[in-house]
Amino acid sequence: MAAPTDIASDITPEAEASRTDAAYGGAMSNAPALELRGLWRKFGDKIAVSGIDIVVPAGSFYGLVGPNGAGKTTTLSMATGLLQPDFGTVLVHGHDLWASPVEVKAMLGVLPDGVRLFDRLTGEQLITYAGLLQGLDRETVAARTTDLLAALDLTADATKLVVEYSAGMTKKVALACALVHAPRLLVLDEPFEAVDPVSAANIRDILGSYVRSGGTVIVSSHVMDLVQRMCDHVAVIAAGHVLAAGTIDEVRGDGSLEDRFVDLVGGRVSGEGLAWLRTSSA
């Protein structure tokens, strides 16, 4: 498997920041990368997200963790404009997502839950299409597509239809589509799910380089050890509420993030009643 390669120097959130800051009159430079203010969302009678407030500092690697059904995907969907909140505000680098959706979404790179792609395109065609949709010229898109395919070890499969890709390969090509326009804010819902360990290490290297170059990453994951090693900030949510948020050290205290997560969320069961699972030498 190929080692991760450096993505072309023009594919940096820092370069895109200069362009977008100029477009917005320089007002975005000191704002948090993302602010969620009082987000609410109901589905029928079920309240999925209940007044969530999160501030993601610019240049941070931010983890979002919670049990199944906690509201993580709903929160990220509202944060990226895939789902409109019933109440609340989403600010991306100081600008209201729903007031200027086209302009603000151009600053976002999104890997959503349950990736759905145009899978009758090849991997190369799909990344190219994503870049052209973002308004990049063909020469820039071609160069960036080549770089991303190499960095994500997809070059050998570039001309295969995406429908023929494995789940892990599909996840990687979707990540390439999220990166191609050098977004200022990258929002990834379970990016390592179905990805093999070597590819996961390559992706962590790419994301780490992206953050060091000025970008911001928000990642949801169920793997506490991964979040603790990779992220500098974290929010724990359950039942649509934020239970704790801050730096990794602030949230985990003297123990591990996993131990703190279990303490906050609860729900541990003893496993009593499963005596029939025990083997016997008799």
C-alpha atoms as a PDB file:
ATOM      1  CA  MET A   1       0.000   0.000   0.000  1.00  0.00           C
ATOM      2  CA  ALA A   2       1.331   3.388  -0.939  1.00  0.00           C
ATOM      3  CA  ALA A   3       2.548   5.753   1.751  1.00  0.00           C
ATOM      4  CA  PRO A   4       0.534   8.924   2.132  1.00  0.00           C
ATOM      5  CA  THR A   5       1.748  11.659  -0.171  1.00  0.00           C
ATOM      6  CA  ASP A   6       1.780  15.400   0.317  1.00  0.00           C
ATOM      7  CA  ILE A   7      -1.232  16.951  -1.323  1.00  0.00           C
ATOM      8  CA  ALA A   8      -0.372  19.754  -3.734  1.00  0.00           C
ATOM      9  CA  SER A   9       0.590  22.994  -2.037  1.00  0.00           C
ATOM     10  CA  ASP A  10      -2.425  24.844  -3.406  1.00  0.00           C
ATOM     11  CA  ILE A  11      -4.784  22.428  -1.657  1.00  0.00           C
ATOM     12  CA  THR A  12      -4.604  24.063   1.736  1.00  0.00           C
ATOM     13  CA  PRO A  13      -7.325  25.559   3.883  1.00  0.00           C
ATOM     14  CA  GLU A  14      -4.948  28.444   4.578  1.00  0.00           C
ATOM     15  CA  ALA A  15      -4.952  29.380   0.890  1.00  0.00           C
ATOM     16  CA  GLU A  16      -8.728  29.095   0.740  1.00  0.00           C
ATOM     17  CA  ALA A  17      -9.005  31.186   3.912  1.00  0.00           C
ATOM     18  CA  SER A  18      -7.249  34.089   2.228  1.00  0.00           C
ATOM     19  CA  ARG A  19      -9.692  33.909  -0.647  1.00  0.00           C
ATOM     20  CA  THR A  20     -12.827  33.641   1.479  1.00  0.00           C
ATOM     21  CA  ASP A  21     -11.674  36.246   3.990  1.00  0.00           C
ATOM     22  CA  ALA A  22     -11.240  38.664   1.120  1.00  0.00           C
ATOM     23  CA  ALA A  23     -14.694  37.779  -0.200  1.00  0.00           C
ATOM     24  CA  TYR A  24     -16.228  38.452   3.226  1.00  0.00           C
ATOM     25  CA  GLY A  25     -14.257  41.601   3.908  1.00  0.00           C
ATOM     26  CA  GLY A  26     -11.854  39.932   6.346  1.00  0.00           C
ATOM     27  CA  ALA A  27     -14.533  39.437   8.995  1.00  0.00           C
ATOM     28  CA  MET A  28     -13.984  35.690   9.380  1.00  0.00           C
ATOM     29  CA  SER A  29     -10.371  35.535  10.543  1.00  0.00           C
ATOM     30  CA  ASN A  30     -10.908  35.458  14.314  1.00  0.00           C
ATOM     31  CA  ALA A  31     -14.229  33.629  14.486  1.00  0.00           C
ATOM     32  CA  PRO A  32     -14.597  30.021  15.675  1.00  0.00           C
ATOM     33  CA  ALA A  33     -14.698  27.527  12.834  1.00  0.00           C
ATOM     34  CA  LEU A  34     -18.173  26.421  13.905  1.00  0.00           C
ATOM     35  CA  GLU A  35     -20.737  27.618  16.424  1.00  0.00           C
ATOM     36  CA  LEU A  36     -23.936  25.726  17.120  1.00  0.00           C
ATOM     37  CA  ARG A  37     -26.354  27.821  19.140  1.00  0.00           C
ATOM     38  CA  GLY A  38     -29.446  26.252  20.654  1.00  0.00           C
ATOM     39  CA  LEU A  39     -30.033  23.633  17.952  1.00  0.00           C
ATOM     40  CA  TRP A  40     -33.287  21.690  18.218  1.00  0.00           C
ATOM     41  CA  ARG A  41     -34.674  19.012  15.932  1.00  0.00           C
ATOM     42  CA  LYS A  42     -37.747  16.794  16.259  1.00  0.00           C
ATOM     43  CA  PHE A  43     -38.823  13.851  14.133  1.00  0.00           C
ATOM     44  CA  GLY A  44     -42.513  13.393  14.792  1.00  0.00           C
ATOM     45  CA  ASP A  45     -42.872  13.162  18.571  1.00  0.00           C
ATOM     46  CA  LYS A  46     -39.213  12.288  19.135  1.00  0.00           C
ATOM     47  CA  ILE A  47     -36.794  15.067  20.101  1.00  0.00           C
ATOM     48  CA  ALA A  48     -33.493  14.056  18.501  1.00  0.00           C
ATOM     49  CA  VAL A  49     -31.477  17.150  19.441  1.00  0.00           C
ATOM     50  CA  SER A  50     -32.434  19.349  22.377  1.00  0.00           C
ATOM     51  CA  GLY A  51     -30.820  22.799  22.539  1.00  0.00           C
ATOM     52  CA  ILE A  52     -27.260  21.822  21.658  1.00  0.00           C
ATOM     53  CA  ASP A  53     -24.543  24.480  22.004  1.00  0.00           C
ATOM     54  CA  ILE A  54     -21.036  23.694  20.697  1.00  0.00           C
ATOM     55  CA  VAL A  55     -18.129  26.008  19.844  1.00  0.00           C
ATOM     56  CA  VAL A  56     -15.371  24.531  17.668  1.00  0.00           C
ATOM     57  CA  PRO A  57     -12.175  26.637  17.710  1.00  0.00           C
ATOM     58  CA  ALA A  58     -10.558  27.337  14.355  1.00  0.00           C
ATOM     59  CA  GLY A  59      -7.572  25.059  13.773  1.00  0.00           C
ATOM     60  CA  SER A  60      -8.781  22.372  16.167  1.00  0.00           C
ATOM     61  CA  PHE A  61      -9.273  18.627  15.738  1.00  0.00           C
ATOM     62  CA  TYR A  62     -12.660  18.211  17.412  1.00  0.00           C
ATOM     63  CA  GLY A  63     -14.220  14.889  18.370  1.00  0.00           C
ATOM     64  CA  LEU A  64     -17.942  14.304  18.787  1.00  0.00           C
ATOM     65  CA  VAL A  65     -18.770  11.157  20.731  1.00  0.00           C
ATOM     66  CA  GLY A  66     -21.944   9.607  22.052  1.00  0.00           C
ATOM     67  CA  PRO A  67     -23.858   6.323  22.219  1.00  0.00           C
ATOM     68  CA  ASN A  68     -26.017   5.075  19.367  1.00  0.00           C
ATOM     69  CA  GLY A  69     -29.034   7.330  18.965  1.00  0.00           C
ATOM     70  CA  ALA A  70     -27.403  10.206  20.873  1.00  0.00           C
ATOM     71  CA  GLY A  71     -28.038  12.738  18.109  1.00  0.00           C
ATOM     72  CA  LYS A  72     -24.520  12.917  16.642  1.00  0.00           C
ATOM     73  CA  THR A  73     -25.533  12.431  13.016  1.00  0.00           C
ATOM     74  CA  THR A  74     -28.530  14.757  13.357  1.00  0.00           C
ATOM     75  CA  THR A  75     -26.277  17.419  14.885  1.00  0.00           C
ATOM     76  CA  LEU A  76     -23.667  17.105  12.137  1.00  0.00           C
ATOM     77  CA  SER A  77     -26.367  17.113   9.461  1.00  0.00           C
ATOM     78  CA  MET A  78     -27.686  20.415  10.810  1.00  0.00           C
ATOM     79  CA  ALA A  79     -24.151  21.794  11.156  1.00  0.00           C
ATOM     80  CA  THR A  80     -23.458  21.180   7.469  1.00  0.00           C
ATOM     81  CA  GLY A  81     -26.770  22.221   5.943  1.00  0.00           C
ATOM     82  CA  LEU A  82     -27.980  18.717   5.131  1.00  0.00           C
ATOM     83  CA  LEU A  83     -30.845  19.136   7.597  1.00  0.00           C
ATOM     84  CA  GLN A  84     -32.507  22.359   8.716  1.00  0.00           C
ATOM     85  CA  PRO A  85     -32.939  22.769  12.485  1.00  0.00           C
ATOM     86  CA  ASP A  86     -36.355  23.491  13.949  1.00  0.00           C
ATOM     87  CA  PHE A  87     -34.699  26.175  16.070  1.00  0.00           C
ATOM     88  CA  GLY A  88     -31.182  27.491  16.518  1.00  0.00           C
ATOM     89  CA  THR A  89     -28.295  28.972  14.580  1.00  0.00           C
ATOM     90  CA  VAL A  90     -25.296  27.518  12.756  1.00  0.00           C
ATOM     91  CA  LEU A  91     -22.333  29.844  12.219  1.00  0.00           C
ATOM     92  CA  VAL A  92     -19.384  28.792  10.047  1.00  0.00           C
ATOM     93  CA  HIS A  93     -16.413  31.097  10.568  1.00  0.00           C
ATOM     94  CA  GLY A  94     -18.817  33.731  11.837  1.00  0.00           C
ATOM     95  CA  HIS A  95     -21.390  33.506   9.049  1.00  0.00           C
ATOM     96  CA  ASP A  96     -24.916  32.141   9.268  1.00  0.00           C
ATOM     97  CA  LEU A  97     -25.197  28.936   7.275  1.00  0.00           C
ATOM     98  CA  TRP A  98     -28.870  29.391   6.499  1.00  0.00           C
ATOM     99  CA  ALA A  99     -28.581  33.094   5.632  1.00  0.00           C
ATOM    100  CA  SER A 100     -25.880  32.466   2.998  1.00  0.00           C
ATOM    101  CA  PRO A 101     -26.043  28.721   2.305  1.00  0.00           C
ATOM    102  CA  VAL A 102     -24.224  28.621  -1.032  1.00  0.00           C
ATOM    103  CA  GLU A 103     -21.301  30.775   0.066  1.00  0.00           C
ATOM    104  CA  VAL A 104     -20.941  29.160   3.481  1.00  0.00           C
ATOM    105  CA  LYS A 105     -21.213  25.585   2.200  1.00  0.00           C
ATOM    106  CA  ALA A 106     -18.277  26.320  -0.121  1.00  0.00           C
ATOM    107  CA  MET A 107     -16.137  26.465   3.040  1.00  0.00           C
ATOM    108  CA  LEU A 108     -17.291  22.999   4.129  1.00  0.00           C
ATOM    109  CA  GLY A 109     -16.085  19.544   3.245  1.00  0.00           C
ATOM    110  CA  VAL A 110     -18.537  16.871   4.380  1.00  0.00           C
ATOM    111  CA  LEU A 111     -18.381  13.103   4.757  1.00  0.00           C
ATOM    112  CA  PRO A 112     -21.938  12.267   5.830  1.00  0.00           C
ATOM    113  CA  ASP A 113     -23.333   9.200   7.515  1.00  0.00           C
ATOM    114  CA  GLY A 114     -24.426   6.489   5.072  1.00  0.00           C
ATOM    115  CA  VAL A 115     -22.388   7.719   2.111  1.00  0.00           C
ATOM    116  CA  ARG A 116     -24.450   7.875  -1.076  1.00  0.00           C
ATOM    117  CA  LEU A 117     -22.466   8.564  -4.240  1.00  0.00           C
ATOM    118  CA  PHE A 118     -22.908   8.593  -8.001  1.00  0.00           C
ATOM    119  CA  ASP A 119     -21.557   5.067  -8.105  1.00  0.00           C
ATOM    120  CA  ARG A 120     -21.802   4.620 -11.875  1.00  0.00           C
ATOM    121  CA  LEU A 121     -18.881   7.023 -12.209  1.00  0.00           C
ATOM    122  CA  THR A 122     -15.298   5.889 -11.775  1.00  0.00           C
ATOM    123  CA  GLY A 123     -13.433   7.046  -8.701  1.00  0.00           C
ATOM    124  CA  GLU A 124     -11.475   9.513 -10.808  1.00  0.00           C
ATOM    125  CA  GLN A 125     -14.629  10.850 -12.458  1.00  0.00           C
ATOM    126  CA  LEU A 126     -16.388  11.230  -9.113  1.00  0.00           C
ATOM    127  CA  ILE A 127     -13.616  13.335  -7.553  1.00  0.00           C
ATOM    128  CA  THR A 128     -13.392  15.387 -10.753  1.00  0.00           C
ATOM    129  CA  TYR A 129     -17.140  15.985 -10.686  1.00  0.00           C
ATOM    130  CA  ALA A 130     -16.982  17.070  -7.032  1.00  0.00           C
ATOM    131  CA  GLY A 131     -14.226  19.553  -7.824  1.00  0.00           C
ATOM    132  CA  LEU A 132     -16.051  21.017 -10.812  1.00  0.00           C
ATOM    133  CA  LEU A 133     -19.218  21.418  -8.729  1.00  0.00           C
ATOM    134  CA  GLN A 134     -17.160  23.542  -6.338  1.00  0.00           C
ATOM    135  CA  GLY A 135     -16.190  25.870  -9.187  1.00  0.00           C
ATOM    136  CA  LEU A 136     -12.579  24.771  -9.648  1.00  0.00           C
ATOM    137  CA  ASP A 137     -11.088  24.895 -13.141  1.00  0.00           C
ATOM    138  CA  ARG A 138     -10.392  21.609 -14.927  1.00  0.00           C
ATOM    139  CA  GLU A 139      -6.613  21.872 -14.712  1.00  0.00           C
ATOM    140  CA  THR A 140      -6.716  22.385 -10.945  1.00  0.00           C
ATOM    141  CA  VAL A 141      -9.251  19.587 -10.517  1.00  0.00           C
ATOM    142  CA  ALA A 142      -7.125  17.171 -12.556  1.00  0.00           C
ATOM    143  CA  ALA A 143      -4.017  17.878 -10.480  1.00  0.00           C
ATOM    144  CA  ARG A 144      -5.838  17.618  -7.170  1.00  0.00           C
ATOM    145  CA  THR A 145      -7.636  14.429  -8.209  1.00  0.00           C
ATOM    146  CA  THR A 146      -4.304  12.791  -9.025  1.00  0.00           C
ATOM    147  CA  ASP A 147      -2.871  13.890  -5.672  1.00  0.00           C
ATOM    148  CA  LEU A 148      -5.867  12.664  -3.691  1.00  0.00           C
ATOM    149  CA  LEU A 149      -6.016   9.293  -5.428  1.00  0.00           C
ATOM    150  CA  ALA A 150      -2.344   8.757  -4.597  1.00  0.00           C
ATOM    151  CA  ALA A 151      -2.656   9.970  -0.999  1.00  0.00           C
ATOM    152  CA  LEU A 152      -5.603   7.647  -0.352  1.00  0.00           C
ATOM    153  CA  ASP A 153      -4.075   4.666  -2.193  1.00  0.00           C
ATOM    154  CA  LEU A 154      -6.776   4.637  -4.870  1.00  0.00           C
ATOM    155  CA  THR A 155      -4.637   5.221  -7.968  1.00  0.00           C
ATOM    156  CA  ALA A 156      -4.802   1.588  -9.079  1.00  0.00           C
ATOM    157  CA  ASP A 157      -8.598   1.681  -8.793  1.00  0.00           C
ATOM    158  CA  ALA A 158      -9.129   5.148 -10.264  1.00  0.00           C
ATOM    159  CA  THR A 159     -10.801   3.857 -13.436  1.00  0.00           C
ATOM    160  CA  LYS A 160     -13.071   1.342 -11.689  1.00  0.00           C
ATOM    161  CA  LEU A 161     -16.724   2.195 -11.175  1.00  0.00           C
ATOM    162  CA  VAL A 162     -17.441   3.224  -7.600  1.00  0.00           C
ATOM    163  CA  VAL A 163     -20.203   0.596  -7.465  1.00  0.00           C
ATOM    164  CA  GLU A 164     -17.386  -1.983  -7.611  1.00  0.00           C
ATOM    165  CA  TYR A 165     -15.535  -0.465  -4.647  1.00  0.00           C
ATOM    166  CA  SER A 166     -15.422  -2.079  -1.228  1.00  0.00           C
ATOM    167  CA  ALA A 167     -17.002  -0.236   1.700  1.00  0.00           C
ATOM    168  CA  GLY A 168     -13.594   1.049   2.775  1.00  0.00           C
ATOM    169  CA  MET A 169     -12.690   2.253  -0.712  1.00  0.00           C
ATOM    170  CA  THR A 170     -16.064   3.990  -0.994  1.00  0.00           C
ATOM    171  CA  LYS A 171     -15.362   5.794   2.270  1.00  0.00           C
ATOM    172  CA  LYS A 172     -11.961   6.913   0.980  1.00  0.00           C
ATOM    173  CA  VAL A 173     -13.231   8.233  -2.348  1.00  0.00           C
ATOM    174  CA  ALA A 174     -15.985  10.108  -0.508  1.00  0.00           C
ATOM    175  CA  LEU A 175     -13.306  11.682   1.690  1.00  0.00           C
ATOM    176  CA  ALA A 176     -11.407  12.707  -1.444  1.00  0.00           C
ATOM    177  CA  CYS A 177     -14.554  14.437  -2.718  1.00  0.00           C
ATOM    178  CA  ALA A 178     -14.813  16.300   0.594  1.00  0.00           C
ATOM    179  CA  LEU A 179     -11.186  17.441   0.366  1.00  0.00           C
ATOM    180  CA  VAL A 180     -10.831  18.380  -3.300  1.00  0.00           C
ATOM    181  CA  HIS A 181     -11.801  22.049  -2.902  1.00  0.00           C
ATOM    182  CA  ALA A 182      -9.569  22.560   0.175  1.00  0.00           C
ATOM    183  CA  PRO A 183     -12.398  23.398   2.586  1.00  0.00           C
ATOM    184  CA  ARG A 184     -11.744  25.448   5.700  1.00  0.00           C
ATOM    185  CA  LEU A 185     -13.889  23.128   7.824  1.00  0.00           C
ATOM    186  CA  LEU A 186     -14.041  19.365   7.375  1.00  0.00           C
ATOM    187  CA  VAL A 187     -16.956  17.502   8.991  1.00  0.00           C
ATOM    188  CA  LEU A 188     -16.594  13.717   9.032  1.00  0.00           C
ATOM    189  CA  ASP A 189     -19.227  11.306  10.341  1.00  0.00           C
ATOM    190  CA  GLU A 190     -17.531   7.998  11.288  1.00  0.00           C
ATOM    191  CA  PRO A 191     -14.701   8.373   8.711  1.00  0.00           C
ATOM    192  CA  PHE A 192     -12.837   5.250   9.839  1.00  0.00           C
ATOM    193  CA  GLU A 193     -15.787   2.869   9.728  1.00  0.00           C
ATOM    194  CA  ALA A 194     -15.011  -0.058   7.358  1.00  0.00           C
ATOM    195  CA  VAL A 195     -11.516   1.321   6.634  1.00  0.00           C
ATOM    196  CA  ASP A 196      -8.544  -1.030   7.070  1.00  0.00           C
ATOM    197  CA  PRO A 197      -5.872  -0.145   9.678  1.00  0.00           C
ATOM    198  CA  VAL A 198      -3.209   0.966   7.178  1.00  0.00           C
ATOM    199  CA  SER A 199      -5.647   3.200   5.297  1.00  0.00           C
ATOM    200  CA  ALA A 200      -6.891   4.569   8.620  1.00  0.00           C
ATOM    201  CA  ALA A 201      -3.324   5.503   9.572  1.00  0.00           C
ATOM    202  CA  ASN A 202      -2.868   7.235   6.198  1.00  0.00           C
ATOM    203  CA  ILE A 203      -6.113   9.169   6.690  1.00  0.00           C
ATOM    204  CA  ARG A 204      -5.047  10.249  10.177  1.00  0.00           C
ATOM    205  CA  ASP A 205      -1.780  11.549   8.701  1.00  0.00           C
ATOM    206  CA  ILE A 206      -3.650  13.474   5.991  1.00  0.00           C
ATOM    207  CA  LEU A 207      -6.065  14.993   8.495  1.00  0.00           C
ATOM    208  CA  GLY A 208      -3.256  15.893  10.883  1.00  0.00           C
ATOM    209  CA  SER A 209      -1.416  17.684   8.079  1.00  0.00           C
ATOM    210  CA  TYR A 210      -4.635  19.453   7.099  1.00  0.00           C
ATOM    211  CA  VAL A 211      -5.129  20.782  10.641  1.00  0.00           C
ATOM    212  CA  ARG A 212      -1.492  21.881  10.891  1.00  0.00           C
ATOM    213  CA  SER A 213      -1.956  23.857   7.660  1.00  0.00           C
ATOM    214  CA  GLY A 214      -4.841  25.827   9.161  1.00  0.00           C
ATOM    215  CA  GLY A 215      -7.906  23.644   8.641  1.00  0.00           C
ATOM    216  CA  THR A 216     -10.421  22.472  11.226  1.00  0.00           C
ATOM    217  CA  VAL A 217     -11.716  18.904  11.518  1.00  0.00           C
ATOM    218  CA  ILE A 218     -14.828  17.678  13.312  1.00  0.00           C
ATOM    219  CA  VAL A 219     -15.071  13.908  13.511  1.00  0.00           C
ATOM    220  CA  SER A 220     -17.659  11.637  15.090  1.00  0.00           C
ATOM    221  CA  SER A 221     -16.547   8.230  16.263  1.00  0.00           C
ATOM    222  CA  HIS A 222     -17.436   5.433  18.652  1.00  0.00           C
ATOM    223  CA  VAL A 223     -13.755   4.592  19.198  1.00  0.00           C
ATOM    224  CA  MET A 224     -12.749   6.501  22.327  1.00  0.00           C
ATOM    225  CA  ASP A 225      -9.061   5.594  22.137  1.00  0.00           C
ATOM    226  CA  LEU A 226      -8.880   6.928  18.584  1.00  0.00           C
ATOM    227  CA  VAL A 227     -10.555  10.205  19.561  1.00  0.00           C
ATOM    228  CA  GLN A 228      -8.283  10.592  22.591  1.00  0.00           C
ATOM    229  CA  ARG A 229      -5.145  10.105  20.463  1.00  0.00           C
ATOM    230  CA  MET A 230      -6.264  12.127  17.454  1.00  0.00           C
ATOM    231  CA  CYS A 231      -8.329  15.049  18.762  1.00  0.00           C
ATOM    232  CA  ASP A 232      -7.483  18.053  20.936  1.00  0.00           C
ATOM    233  CA  HIS A 233     -11.126  18.899  21.792  1.00  0.00           C
ATOM    234  CA  VAL A 234     -14.181  16.713  22.363  1.00  0.00           C
ATOM    235  CA  ALA A 235     -17.890  16.957  23.116  1.00  0.00           C
ATOM    236  CA  VAL A 236     -19.860  14.105  24.671  1.00  0.00           C
ATOM    237  CA  ILE A 237     -23.535  14.023  23.764  1.00  0.00           C
ATOM    238  CA  ALA A 238     -26.367  11.722  24.815  1.00  0.00           C
ATOM    239  CA  ALA A 239     -30.127  11.911  24.324  1.00  0.00           C
ATOM    240  CA  GLY A 240     -29.698  15.078  22.281  1.00  0.00           C
ATOM    241  CA  HIS A 241     -27.836  16.999  25.013  1.00  0.00           C
ATOM    242  CA  VAL A 242     -24.185  17.990  25.450  1.00  0.00           C
ATOM    243  CA  LEU A 243     -22.970  16.332  28.656  1.00  0.00           C
ATOM    244  CA  ALA A 244     -19.403  17.661  28.546  1.00  0.00           C
ATOM    245  CA  ALA A 245     -17.256  19.684  26.152  1.00  0.00           C
ATOM    246  CA  GLY A 246     -13.754  21.128  26.156  1.00  0.00           C
ATOM    247  CA  THR A 247     -10.203  20.009  25.582  1.00  0.00           C
ATOM    248  CA  ILE A 248      -9.537  16.287  25.784  1.00  0.00           C
ATOM    249  CA  ASP A 249      -7.742  16.746  29.121  1.00  0.00           C
ATOM    250  CA  GLU A 250     -10.567  18.859  30.554  1.00  0.00           C
ATOM    251  CA  VAL A 251     -13.203  16.285  29.655  1.00  0.00           C
ATOM    252  CA  ARG A 252     -11.370  13.092  30.595  1.00  0.00           C
ATOM    253  CA  GLY A 253      -9.856  14.404  33.832  1.00  0.00           C
ATOM    254  CA  ASP A 254      -7.453  11.950  35.465  1.00  0.00           C
ATOM    255  CA  GLY A 255      -8.759   8.886  33.650  1.00  0.00           C
ATOM    256  CA  SER A 256      -9.243   7.771  30.076  1.00  0.00           C
ATOM    257  CA  LEU A 257     -11.798   9.300  27.748  1.00  0.00           C
ATOM    258  CA  GLU A 258     -13.589   5.954  27.586  1.00  0.00           C
ATOM    259  CA  ASP A 259     -13.944   5.773  31.370  1.00  0.00           C
ATOM    260  CA  ARG A 260     -15.220   9.341  31.501  1.00  0.00           C
ATOM    261  CA  PHE A 261     -17.634   8.622  28.646  1.00  0.00           C
ATOM    262  CA  VAL A 262     -19.099   5.628  30.486  1.00  0.00           C
ATOM    263  CA  ASP A 263     -19.404   7.666  33.691  1.00  0.00           C
ATOM    264  CA  LEU A 264     -21.261  10.444  31.867  1.00  0.00           C
ATOM    265  CA  VAL A 265     -23.505   8.332  29.678  1.00  0.00           C
ATOM    266  CA  GLY A 266     -24.154   5.395  31.996  1.00  0.00           C
ATOM    267  CA  GLY A 267     -26.098   2.416  30.749  1.00  0.00           C
ATOM    268  CA  ARG A 268     -23.698  -0.344  31.803  1.00  0.00           C
ATOM    269  CA  VAL A 269     -25.488  -3.671  32.362  1.00  0.00           C
ATOM    270  CA  SER A 270     -24.226  -6.716  34.214  1.00  0.00           C
ATOM    271  CA  GLY A 271     -24.993  -9.385  31.641  1.00  0.00           C
ATOM    272  CA  GLU A 272     -26.911 -11.427  34.199  1.00  0.00           C
ATOM    273  CA  GLY A 273     -29.223 -13.988  32.690  1.00  0.00           C
ATOM    274  CA  LEU A 274     -26.680 -15.150  30.106  1.00  0.00           C
ATOM    275  CA  ALA A 275     -25.368 -18.087  32.100  1.00  0.00           C
ATOM    276  CA  TRP A 276     -26.195 -20.325  29.131  1.00  0.00           C
ATOM    277  CA  LEU A 277     -23.310 -18.669  27.216  1.00  0.00           C
ATOM    278  CA  ARG A 278     -20.733 -20.009  29.641  1.00  0.00           C
ATOM    279  CA  THR A 279     -18.833 -23.089  28.595  1.00  0.00           C
ATOM    280  CA  SER A 280     -18.120 -25.942  30.956  1.00  0.00           C
ATOM    281  CA  SER A 281     -15.389 -28.519  31.052  1.00  0.00           C
ATOM    282  CA  ALA A 282     -17.846 -31.051  32.478  1.00  0.00           C
END
